[in-house]
Amino acid sequence: MTDFNRTGGSPATSDTAVDFNADLKPASGGTVEFTPAATTSFDSEATSTGSTTQTLKDEASKLSVKATEKARGLADEGKARATGALDEFSKLMEDAAGTVDEKLGEQYGQYARSAAKAISGFSDNLRGKEVDDLIADASDFVRKSPAVAIGTAAALGFLLARIVKAGTDADTIPSVKG
């Protein structure tokens, strides 16, 4: 607080808080005497603001935990779907290996069987890992091979764009019923 009643020199500061609802009373000699109604600190307002800030932080933390749990649940569901699809694809390749044996030769059928076995192994490996482990593996892969990761992301983006475009084109094609 600045002390303007001091004569000579520049005003001095003090740490005393003053209530601005103080009374000004004329004193003898024509000077105005300042009498504070009560000294007040801004601590109560700061405490109120601090508790509001803490409440907001707590709510944000709760929302973050909920969002993380929801994302983890969705990732687990996606992992289950992906492993199921990989298992189906592996089974289809294994079944097709017999046909490949007949049409192209046993050597090519063996390629199909080894590919089916590799896909099945990948599916089992994926099923056995937690989502956090998969994220860590992906991070390590990107760190070790950024060019491959960028190329893969670009290819997946292109593939997804084609799938979405095909889906929207199918929705806009008028169907003729006769």
N, C-alpha and C. Protein backbone atom coordinates (compact mmCIF):
# COMPACT_ATOMS: atom_id res chain seq x y z
N MET A 1 0.86 -1.15 0.00
CA MET A 1 0.00 0.00 0.00
C MET A 1 0.91 1.22 0.00
N THR A 2 0.56 2.25 -0.69
CA THR A 2 1.38 3.46 -0.78
C THR A 2 0.92 4.45 0.28
N ASP A 3 1.90 5.07 0.95
CA ASP A 3 1.60 6.04 2.00
C ASP A 3 1.78 7.44 1.42
N PHE A 4 0.65 8.10 1.09
CA PHE A 4 0.71 9.42 0.49
C PHE A 4 0.72 10.54 1.53
N ASN A 5 0.54 10.22 2.80
CA ASN A 5 0.50 11.23 3.85
C ASN A 5 1.88 11.62 4.33
N ARG A 6 2.87 11.02 3.84
CA ARG A 6 4.24 11.28 4.25
C ARG A 6 4.72 12.56 3.59
N THR A 7 5.36 13.41 4.35
CA THR A 7 5.84 14.67 3.79
C THR A 7 7.25 14.50 3.27
N GLY A 8 7.52 15.14 2.14
CA GLY A 8 8.86 15.09 1.57
C GLY A 8 9.17 13.73 0.97
N GLY A 9 9.97 13.70 -0.08
CA GLY A 9 10.41 12.45 -0.70
C GLY A 9 9.29 11.77 -1.47
N SER A 10 9.56 10.59 -1.88
CA SER A 10 8.57 9.83 -2.65
C SER A 10 7.72 8.99 -1.72
N PRO A 11 6.57 8.59 -2.18
CA PRO A 11 5.71 7.78 -1.33
C PRO A 11 6.37 6.45 -0.98
N ALA A 12 6.09 5.96 0.21
CA ALA A 12 6.64 4.68 0.66
C ALA A 12 5.55 3.63 0.58
N THR A 13 5.93 2.39 0.54
CA THR A 13 4.94 1.32 0.48
C THR A 13 4.97 0.54 1.77
N SER A 14 3.80 -0.01 2.11
CA SER A 14 3.71 -0.89 3.27
C SER A 14 2.85 -2.07 2.87
N ASP A 15 2.87 -3.13 3.63
CA ASP A 15 2.12 -4.34 3.31
C ASP A 15 0.76 -4.38 3.96
N THR A 16 0.31 -3.29 4.56
CA THR A 16 -0.98 -3.29 5.23
C THR A 16 -2.08 -3.16 4.20
N ALA A 17 -3.02 -4.06 4.26
CA ALA A 17 -4.16 -4.01 3.34
C ALA A 17 -5.21 -3.08 3.92
N VAL A 18 -5.90 -2.36 3.06
CA VAL A 18 -6.87 -1.39 3.51
C VAL A 18 -8.20 -1.66 2.82
N ASP A 19 -9.27 -1.53 3.58
CA ASP A 19 -10.61 -1.66 3.02
C ASP A 19 -10.95 -0.35 2.33
N PHE A 20 -11.36 -0.39 1.09
CA PHE A 20 -11.65 0.81 0.34
C PHE A 20 -13.00 1.42 0.70
N ASN A 21 -13.73 0.83 1.62
CA ASN A 21 -14.98 1.38 2.10
C ASN A 21 -14.75 2.19 3.38
N ALA A 22 -13.59 2.77 3.50
CA ALA A 22 -13.24 3.51 4.71
C ALA A 22 -13.94 4.86 4.73
N ASP A 23 -13.98 5.46 5.90
CA ASP A 23 -14.63 6.76 6.06
C ASP A 23 -13.59 7.86 6.01
N LEU A 24 -13.91 8.94 5.29
CA LEU A 24 -13.06 10.13 5.27
C LEU A 24 -13.74 11.17 6.14
N LYS A 25 -13.05 11.62 7.19
CA LYS A 25 -13.64 12.60 8.11
C LYS A 25 -12.75 13.84 8.15
N PRO A 26 -13.37 15.00 8.03
CA PRO A 26 -12.55 16.22 8.14
C PRO A 26 -12.03 16.36 9.56
N ALA A 27 -10.78 16.64 9.69
CA ALA A 27 -10.16 16.85 11.00
C ALA A 27 -9.97 18.36 11.19
N SER A 28 -9.54 18.72 12.36
CA SER A 28 -9.33 20.14 12.62
C SER A 28 -8.17 20.64 11.79
N GLY A 29 -8.23 21.88 11.38
CA GLY A 29 -7.16 22.47 10.60
C GLY A 29 -7.40 22.31 9.11
N GLY A 30 -8.56 21.83 8.69
CA GLY A 30 -8.89 21.74 7.28
C GLY A 30 -8.30 20.53 6.57
N THR A 31 -7.64 19.64 7.28
CA THR A 31 -7.10 18.45 6.63
C THR A 31 -8.11 17.32 6.73
N VAL A 32 -8.04 16.43 5.82
CA VAL A 32 -8.92 15.28 5.83
C VAL A 32 -8.16 14.11 6.43
N GLU A 33 -8.77 13.52 7.40
CA GLU A 33 -8.14 12.39 8.07
C GLU A 33 -8.78 11.11 7.55
N PHE A 34 -7.95 10.18 7.20
CA PHE A 34 -8.41 8.91 6.66
C PHE A 34 -8.45 7.89 7.78
N THR A 35 -9.65 7.34 8.03
CA THR A 35 -9.80 6.33 9.05
C THR A 35 -10.34 5.06 8.40
N PRO A 36 -9.52 4.05 8.30
CA PRO A 36 -10.01 2.82 7.67
C PRO A 36 -11.10 2.18 8.51
N ALA A 37 -12.14 1.64 7.82
CA ALA A 37 -13.22 0.96 8.53
C ALA A 37 -12.68 -0.32 9.14
N ALA A 38 -11.87 -1.03 8.42
CA ALA A 38 -11.24 -2.25 8.92
C ALA A 38 -10.16 -2.63 7.92
N THR A 39 -9.15 -3.25 8.41
CA THR A 39 -8.14 -3.73 7.47
C THR A 39 -8.58 -5.08 6.95
N THR A 40 -8.45 -5.21 5.67
CA THR A 40 -8.91 -6.43 5.02
C THR A 40 -7.79 -6.96 4.16
N SER A 41 -7.71 -8.21 4.07
CA SER A 41 -6.74 -8.84 3.20
C SER A 41 -7.49 -9.45 2.04
N PHE A 42 -6.85 -9.59 0.94
CA PHE A 42 -7.47 -10.22 -0.21
C PHE A 42 -7.36 -11.73 -0.13
N ASP A 43 -6.92 -12.25 1.01
CA ASP A 43 -6.75 -13.69 1.18
C ASP A 43 -8.06 -14.44 1.00
N SER A 44 -9.17 -13.89 1.50
CA SER A 44 -10.44 -14.61 1.37
C SER A 44 -10.83 -14.73 -0.09
N GLU A 45 -10.61 -13.67 -0.88
CA GLU A 45 -10.90 -13.76 -2.30
C GLU A 45 -9.93 -14.69 -2.99
N ALA A 46 -8.66 -14.64 -2.62
CA ALA A 46 -7.66 -15.53 -3.20
C ALA A 46 -7.97 -16.97 -2.85
N THR A 47 -8.42 -17.19 -1.62
CA THR A 47 -8.78 -18.55 -1.22
C THR A 47 -9.96 -19.03 -2.03
N SER A 48 -10.93 -18.15 -2.24
CA SER A 48 -12.09 -18.50 -3.05
C SER A 48 -11.68 -18.82 -4.47
N THR A 49 -10.81 -17.98 -5.03
CA THR A 49 -10.32 -18.22 -6.37
C THR A 49 -9.49 -19.49 -6.41
N GLY A 50 -8.68 -19.70 -5.39
CA GLY A 50 -7.85 -20.90 -5.31
C GLY A 50 -8.69 -22.16 -5.23
N SER A 51 -9.78 -22.11 -4.44
CA SER A 51 -10.62 -23.29 -4.34
C SER A 51 -11.38 -23.54 -5.63
N THR A 52 -11.75 -22.47 -6.33
CA THR A 52 -12.41 -22.63 -7.63
C THR A 52 -11.44 -23.25 -8.63
N THR A 53 -10.21 -22.77 -8.62
CA THR A 53 -9.19 -23.32 -9.50
C THR A 53 -8.95 -24.78 -9.19
N GLN A 54 -8.86 -25.11 -7.91
CA GLN A 54 -8.64 -26.50 -7.52
C GLN A 54 -9.82 -27.37 -7.94
N THR A 55 -11.04 -26.84 -7.80
CA THR A 55 -12.23 -27.59 -8.22
C THR A 55 -12.18 -27.85 -9.72
N LEU A 56 -11.80 -26.83 -10.50
CA LEU A 56 -11.69 -27.00 -11.94
C LEU A 56 -10.62 -28.04 -12.29
N LYS A 57 -9.50 -27.99 -11.59
CA LYS A 57 -8.44 -28.97 -11.82
C LYS A 57 -8.92 -30.38 -11.49
N ASP A 58 -9.65 -30.52 -10.39
CA ASP A 58 -10.17 -31.84 -10.00
C ASP A 58 -11.15 -32.36 -11.04
N GLU A 59 -12.03 -31.49 -11.53
CA GLU A 59 -13.00 -31.90 -12.54
C GLU A 59 -12.30 -32.29 -13.84
N ALA A 60 -11.29 -31.50 -14.22
CA ALA A 60 -10.54 -31.81 -15.44
C ALA A 60 -9.82 -33.15 -15.28
N SER A 61 -9.30 -33.40 -14.09
CA SER A 61 -8.63 -34.67 -13.83
C SER A 61 -9.61 -35.84 -13.94
N LYS A 62 -10.81 -35.65 -13.38
CA LYS A 62 -11.83 -36.71 -13.47
C LYS A 62 -12.22 -36.97 -14.92
N LEU A 63 -12.40 -35.90 -15.70
CA LEU A 63 -12.75 -36.06 -17.11
C LEU A 63 -11.62 -36.75 -17.87
N SER A 64 -10.40 -36.41 -17.53
CA SER A 64 -9.25 -37.04 -18.18
C SER A 64 -9.21 -38.54 -17.89
N VAL A 65 -9.49 -38.91 -16.66
CA VAL A 65 -9.51 -40.32 -16.28
C VAL A 65 -10.62 -41.05 -17.03
N LYS A 66 -11.80 -40.42 -17.09
CA LYS A 66 -12.92 -41.04 -17.82
C LYS A 66 -12.60 -41.20 -19.30
N ALA A 67 -11.99 -40.17 -19.90
CA ALA A 67 -11.64 -40.24 -21.32
C ALA A 67 -10.59 -41.33 -21.57
N THR A 68 -9.65 -41.44 -20.66
CA THR A 68 -8.62 -42.48 -20.79
C THR A 68 -9.23 -43.86 -20.69
N GLU A 69 -10.14 -44.05 -19.74
CA GLU A 69 -10.81 -45.34 -19.59
C GLU A 69 -11.63 -45.67 -20.83
N LYS A 70 -12.33 -44.68 -21.37
CA LYS A 70 -13.16 -44.88 -22.56
C LYS A 70 -12.27 -45.24 -23.75
N ALA A 71 -11.17 -44.52 -23.92
CA ALA A 71 -10.25 -44.79 -25.02
C ALA A 71 -9.64 -46.19 -24.88
N ARG A 72 -9.28 -46.55 -23.67
CA ARG A 72 -8.71 -47.88 -23.44
C ARG A 72 -9.74 -48.97 -23.75
N GLY A 73 -10.99 -48.75 -23.37
CA GLY A 73 -12.06 -49.70 -23.68
C GLY A 73 -12.26 -49.84 -25.18
N LEU A 74 -12.27 -48.71 -25.89
CA LEU A 74 -12.41 -48.75 -27.34
C LEU A 74 -11.22 -49.44 -28.00
N ALA A 75 -10.03 -49.19 -27.47
CA ALA A 75 -8.83 -49.84 -28.02
C ALA A 75 -8.88 -51.34 -27.79
N ASP A 76 -9.35 -51.77 -26.62
CA ASP A 76 -9.49 -53.20 -26.35
C ASP A 76 -10.51 -53.83 -27.30
N GLU A 77 -11.61 -53.12 -27.53
CA GLU A 77 -12.63 -53.62 -28.45
C GLU A 77 -12.07 -53.71 -29.88
N GLY A 78 -11.32 -52.71 -30.29
CA GLY A 78 -10.70 -52.72 -31.61
C GLY A 78 -9.68 -53.84 -31.75
N LYS A 79 -8.94 -54.07 -30.67
CA LYS A 79 -7.95 -55.16 -30.68
C LYS A 79 -8.66 -56.50 -30.83
N ALA A 80 -9.77 -56.68 -30.13
CA ALA A 80 -10.52 -57.94 -30.23
C ALA A 80 -11.07 -58.13 -31.65
N ARG A 81 -11.57 -57.07 -32.24
CA ARG A 81 -12.08 -57.16 -33.61
C ARG A 81 -10.96 -57.48 -34.60
N ALA A 82 -9.82 -56.82 -34.43
CA ALA A 82 -8.70 -57.03 -35.33
C ALA A 82 -8.18 -58.47 -35.24
N THR A 83 -8.06 -58.98 -34.03
CA THR A 83 -7.57 -60.36 -33.88
C THR A 83 -8.59 -61.34 -34.46
N GLY A 84 -9.87 -61.05 -34.29
CA GLY A 84 -10.89 -61.91 -34.89
C GLY A 84 -10.81 -61.92 -36.40
N ALA A 85 -10.62 -60.74 -36.99
CA ALA A 85 -10.50 -60.63 -38.45
C ALA A 85 -9.24 -61.34 -38.94
N LEU A 86 -8.14 -61.18 -38.20
CA LEU A 86 -6.90 -61.86 -38.59
C LEU A 86 -7.06 -63.38 -38.51
N ASP A 87 -7.75 -63.86 -37.49
CA ASP A 87 -8.00 -65.30 -37.36
C ASP A 87 -8.82 -65.81 -38.55
N GLU A 88 -9.84 -65.06 -38.93
CA GLU A 88 -10.68 -65.45 -40.08
C GLU A 88 -9.86 -65.48 -41.36
N PHE A 89 -9.04 -64.45 -41.55
CA PHE A 89 -8.21 -64.38 -42.75
C PHE A 89 -7.20 -65.52 -42.79
N SER A 90 -6.62 -65.83 -41.64
CA SER A 90 -5.68 -66.95 -41.55
C SER A 90 -6.37 -68.26 -41.93
N LYS A 91 -7.59 -68.45 -41.43
CA LYS A 91 -8.34 -69.67 -41.73
C LYS A 91 -8.66 -69.75 -43.22
N LEU A 92 -9.04 -68.62 -43.82
CA LEU A 92 -9.33 -68.60 -45.26
C LEU A 92 -8.08 -68.96 -46.07
N MET A 93 -6.94 -68.43 -45.66
CA MET A 93 -5.69 -68.75 -46.38
C MET A 93 -5.32 -70.21 -46.22
N GLU A 94 -5.53 -70.74 -45.03
CA GLU A 94 -5.24 -72.16 -44.79
C GLU A 94 -6.15 -73.03 -45.66
N ASP A 95 -7.42 -72.67 -45.74
CA ASP A 95 -8.36 -73.42 -46.57
C ASP A 95 -8.01 -73.29 -48.06
N ALA A 96 -7.56 -72.12 -48.47
CA ALA A 96 -7.22 -71.90 -49.88
C ALA A 96 -5.93 -72.60 -50.27
N ALA A 97 -5.10 -72.96 -49.29
CA ALA A 97 -3.82 -73.60 -49.59
C ALA A 97 -4.03 -74.93 -50.32
N GLY A 98 -5.08 -75.66 -49.99
CA GLY A 98 -5.36 -76.92 -50.69
C GLY A 98 -5.67 -76.69 -52.15
N THR A 99 -6.43 -75.66 -52.43
CA THR A 99 -6.76 -75.33 -53.82
C THR A 99 -5.52 -74.88 -54.57
N VAL A 100 -4.68 -74.12 -53.89
CA VAL A 100 -3.43 -73.67 -54.51
C VAL A 100 -2.55 -74.87 -54.82
N ASP A 101 -2.52 -75.87 -53.92
CA ASP A 101 -1.76 -77.10 -54.17
C ASP A 101 -2.20 -77.75 -55.47
N GLU A 102 -3.49 -77.84 -55.69
CA GLU A 102 -4.04 -78.51 -56.87
C GLU A 102 -3.79 -77.72 -58.15
N LYS A 103 -3.94 -76.40 -58.08
CA LYS A 103 -3.87 -75.60 -59.31
C LYS A 103 -2.46 -75.14 -59.66
N LEU A 104 -1.67 -74.77 -58.66
CA LEU A 104 -0.35 -74.20 -58.94
C LEU A 104 0.82 -75.09 -58.50
N GLY A 105 0.56 -76.01 -57.64
CA GLY A 105 1.63 -76.87 -57.16
C GLY A 105 1.76 -76.77 -55.65
N GLU A 106 2.37 -77.84 -55.11
CA GLU A 106 2.49 -77.94 -53.65
C GLU A 106 3.38 -76.84 -53.05
N GLN A 107 4.38 -76.41 -53.80
CA GLN A 107 5.28 -75.38 -53.31
C GLN A 107 4.50 -74.09 -53.02
N TYR A 108 3.62 -73.68 -53.90
CA TYR A 108 2.84 -72.46 -53.70
C TYR A 108 1.80 -72.63 -52.58
N GLY A 109 1.27 -73.83 -52.46
CA GLY A 109 0.36 -74.12 -51.36
C GLY A 109 1.07 -73.98 -50.02
N GLN A 110 2.35 -74.37 -50.00
CA GLN A 110 3.15 -74.24 -48.77
C GLN A 110 3.36 -72.76 -48.43
N TYR A 111 3.53 -71.92 -49.45
CA TYR A 111 3.64 -70.48 -49.20
C TYR A 111 2.36 -69.95 -48.54
N ALA A 112 1.24 -70.39 -49.04
CA ALA A 112 -0.05 -69.95 -48.47
C ALA A 112 -0.18 -70.43 -47.03
N ARG A 113 0.25 -71.69 -46.75
CA ARG A 113 0.18 -72.21 -45.38
C ARG A 113 1.11 -71.43 -44.44
N SER A 114 2.31 -71.12 -44.91
CA SER A 114 3.24 -70.38 -44.04
C SER A 114 2.73 -68.95 -43.80
N ALA A 115 2.11 -68.35 -44.81
CA ALA A 115 1.53 -67.01 -44.63
C ALA A 115 0.38 -67.08 -43.63
N ALA A 116 -0.46 -68.13 -43.74
CA ALA A 116 -1.58 -68.29 -42.81
C ALA A 116 -1.05 -68.50 -41.39
N LYS A 117 0.02 -69.26 -41.27
CA LYS A 117 0.61 -69.51 -39.94
C LYS A 117 1.19 -68.21 -39.36
N ALA A 118 1.83 -67.41 -40.21
CA ALA A 118 2.40 -66.14 -39.75
C ALA A 118 1.29 -65.19 -39.30
N ILE A 119 0.20 -65.14 -40.04
CA ILE A 119 -0.92 -64.27 -39.68
C ILE A 119 -1.54 -64.74 -38.37
N SER A 120 -1.68 -66.05 -38.23
CA SER A 120 -2.24 -66.60 -36.99
C SER A 120 -1.33 -66.29 -35.80
N GLY A 121 -0.03 -66.41 -36.00
CA GLY A 121 0.93 -66.08 -34.93
C GLY A 121 0.86 -64.61 -34.54
N PHE A 122 0.74 -63.74 -35.56
CA PHE A 122 0.61 -62.31 -35.29
C PHE A 122 -0.67 -62.03 -34.51
N SER A 123 -1.74 -62.70 -34.88
CA SER A 123 -3.02 -62.53 -34.18
C SER A 123 -2.90 -62.97 -32.72
N ASP A 124 -2.26 -64.10 -32.49
CA ASP A 124 -2.06 -64.59 -31.11
C ASP A 124 -1.19 -63.63 -30.31
N ASN A 125 -0.14 -63.11 -30.95
CA ASN A 125 0.75 -62.15 -30.29
C ASN A 125 -0.02 -60.88 -29.93
N LEU A 126 -0.84 -60.41 -30.86
CA LEU A 126 -1.65 -59.21 -30.63
C LEU A 126 -2.64 -59.43 -29.50
N ARG A 127 -3.26 -60.60 -29.48
CA ARG A 127 -4.24 -60.93 -28.45
C ARG A 127 -3.59 -60.98 -27.06
N GLY A 128 -2.35 -61.41 -26.99
CA GLY A 128 -1.67 -61.57 -25.71
C GLY A 128 -1.11 -60.29 -25.12
N LYS A 129 -1.14 -59.20 -25.87
CA LYS A 129 -0.57 -57.94 -25.38
C LYS A 129 -1.65 -56.99 -24.90
N GLU A 130 -1.29 -56.18 -23.92
CA GLU A 130 -2.17 -55.12 -23.44
C GLU A 130 -2.05 -53.91 -24.36
N VAL A 131 -3.04 -53.04 -24.31
CA VAL A 131 -3.06 -51.85 -25.17
C VAL A 131 -1.82 -50.98 -24.91
N ASP A 132 -1.43 -50.83 -23.65
CA ASP A 132 -0.26 -50.01 -23.33
C ASP A 132 1.00 -50.59 -23.97
N ASP A 133 1.10 -51.92 -23.98
CA ASP A 133 2.26 -52.57 -24.61
C ASP A 133 2.26 -52.31 -26.12
N LEU A 134 1.08 -52.37 -26.73
CA LEU A 134 0.99 -52.11 -28.17
C LEU A 134 1.37 -50.67 -28.50
N ILE A 135 0.96 -49.74 -27.67
CA ILE A 135 1.32 -48.34 -27.88
C ILE A 135 2.82 -48.15 -27.74
N ALA A 136 3.40 -48.80 -26.74
CA ALA A 136 4.85 -48.71 -26.54
C ALA A 136 5.59 -49.31 -27.75
N ASP A 137 5.11 -50.44 -28.25
CA ASP A 137 5.72 -51.06 -29.43
C ASP A 137 5.64 -50.14 -30.64
N ALA A 138 4.48 -49.52 -30.83
CA ALA A 138 4.31 -48.60 -31.96
C ALA A 138 5.25 -47.40 -31.83
N SER A 139 5.39 -46.88 -30.62
CA SER A 139 6.30 -45.75 -30.39
C SER A 139 7.74 -46.14 -30.70
N ASP A 140 8.13 -47.32 -30.25
CA ASP A 140 9.49 -47.80 -30.53
C ASP A 140 9.71 -47.97 -32.03
N PHE A 141 8.70 -48.51 -32.72
CA PHE A 141 8.81 -48.70 -34.17
C PHE A 141 8.98 -47.37 -34.88
N VAL A 142 8.18 -46.38 -34.50
CA VAL A 142 8.28 -45.06 -35.13
C VAL A 142 9.63 -44.43 -34.84
N ARG A 143 10.13 -44.58 -33.63
CA ARG A 143 11.43 -44.03 -33.26
C ARG A 143 12.55 -44.69 -34.06
N LYS A 144 12.46 -46.01 -34.26
CA LYS A 144 13.52 -46.73 -34.96
C LYS A 144 13.44 -46.56 -36.48
N SER A 145 12.24 -46.48 -37.03
CA SER A 145 12.05 -46.40 -38.48
C SER A 145 11.03 -45.33 -38.84
N PRO A 146 11.38 -44.07 -38.71
CA PRO A 146 10.38 -43.03 -38.99
C PRO A 146 9.93 -43.00 -40.45
N ALA A 147 10.83 -43.31 -41.39
CA ALA A 147 10.45 -43.28 -42.81
C ALA A 147 9.40 -44.35 -43.11
N VAL A 148 9.61 -45.54 -42.57
CA VAL A 148 8.64 -46.62 -42.78
C VAL A 148 7.31 -46.27 -42.13
N ALA A 149 7.36 -45.67 -40.93
CA ALA A 149 6.14 -45.28 -40.23
C ALA A 149 5.36 -44.24 -41.03
N ILE A 150 6.07 -43.26 -41.58
CA ILE A 150 5.40 -42.21 -42.38
C ILE A 150 4.81 -42.82 -43.64
N GLY A 151 5.56 -43.70 -44.29
CA GLY A 151 5.04 -44.37 -45.49
C GLY A 151 3.82 -45.22 -45.19
N THR A 152 3.86 -45.93 -44.08
CA THR A 152 2.72 -46.76 -43.68
C THR A 152 1.51 -45.88 -43.37
N ALA A 153 1.74 -44.78 -42.66
CA ALA A 153 0.63 -43.87 -42.34
C ALA A 153 0.04 -43.28 -43.61
N ALA A 154 0.88 -42.92 -44.58
CA ALA A 154 0.38 -42.37 -45.84
C ALA A 154 -0.44 -43.43 -46.60
N ALA A 155 0.06 -44.66 -46.63
CA ALA A 155 -0.66 -45.73 -47.32
C ALA A 155 -2.00 -46.01 -46.65
N LEU A 156 -2.01 -46.06 -45.32
CA LEU A 156 -3.26 -46.28 -44.60
C LEU A 156 -4.23 -45.12 -44.81
N GLY A 157 -3.72 -43.91 -44.83
CA GLY A 157 -4.57 -42.75 -45.09
C GLY A 157 -5.18 -42.81 -46.48
N PHE A 158 -4.37 -43.19 -47.46
CA PHE A 158 -4.88 -43.34 -48.82
C PHE A 158 -5.95 -44.42 -48.88
N LEU A 159 -5.68 -45.55 -48.24
CA LEU A 159 -6.63 -46.66 -48.22
C LEU A 159 -7.94 -46.25 -47.55
N LEU A 160 -7.85 -45.59 -46.40
CA LEU A 160 -9.06 -45.13 -45.70
C LEU A 160 -9.84 -44.12 -46.55
N ALA A 161 -9.13 -43.23 -47.22
CA ALA A 161 -9.80 -42.25 -48.08
C ALA A 161 -10.55 -42.96 -49.21
N ARG A 162 -9.94 -43.98 -49.78
CA ARG A 162 -10.61 -44.74 -50.86
C ARG A 162 -11.85 -45.46 -50.33
N ILE A 163 -11.73 -46.03 -49.14
CA ILE A 163 -12.86 -46.75 -48.54
C ILE A 163 -14.01 -45.78 -48.26
N VAL A 164 -13.68 -44.63 -47.69
CA VAL A 164 -14.71 -43.63 -47.39
C VAL A 164 -15.34 -43.12 -48.67
N LYS A 165 -14.52 -42.86 -49.68
CA LYS A 165 -15.04 -42.37 -50.96
C LYS A 165 -15.94 -43.42 -51.59
N ALA A 166 -15.54 -44.67 -51.54
CA ALA A 166 -16.37 -45.74 -52.10
C ALA A 166 -17.70 -45.84 -51.34
N GLY A 167 -17.66 -45.65 -50.02
CA GLY A 167 -18.88 -45.69 -49.22
C GLY A 167 -19.81 -44.55 -49.54
N THR A 168 -19.27 -43.35 -49.74
CA THR A 168 -20.14 -42.21 -50.06
C THR A 168 -20.65 -42.31 -51.49
N ASP A 169 -19.85 -42.86 -52.40
CA ASP A 169 -20.31 -43.04 -53.78
C ASP A 169 -21.45 -44.05 -53.82
N ALA A 170 -21.35 -45.10 -53.01
CA ALA A 170 -22.41 -46.13 -52.99
C ALA A 170 -23.70 -45.54 -52.43
N ASP A 171 -23.59 -44.59 -51.51
CA ASP A 171 -24.79 -43.96 -50.93
C ASP A 171 -25.48 -43.03 -51.92
N THR A 172 -24.73 -42.45 -52.85
CA THR A 172 -25.31 -41.48 -53.76
C THR A 172 -25.83 -42.10 -55.05
N ILE A 173 -25.46 -43.35 -55.33
CA ILE A 173 -25.93 -44.03 -56.53
C ILE A 173 -27.39 -44.40 -56.34
N PRO A 174 -28.27 -43.92 -57.23
CA PRO A 174 -29.69 -44.27 -57.08
C PRO A 174 -29.92 -45.74 -57.41
N SER A 175 -30.71 -46.37 -56.62
CA SER A 175 -31.01 -47.77 -56.88
C SER A 175 -32.32 -47.85 -57.66
N VAL A 176 -32.33 -48.72 -58.66
CA VAL A 176 -33.50 -48.89 -59.50
C VAL A 176 -34.16 -50.20 -59.11
N LYS A 177 -35.38 -50.09 -58.67
CA LYS A 177 -36.12 -51.30 -58.29
C LYS A 177 -37.21 -51.52 -59.33
N GLY A 178 -37.31 -52.73 -59.77
CA GLY A 178 -38.27 -52.94 -60.83
C GLY A 178 -39.13 -54.08 -60.63
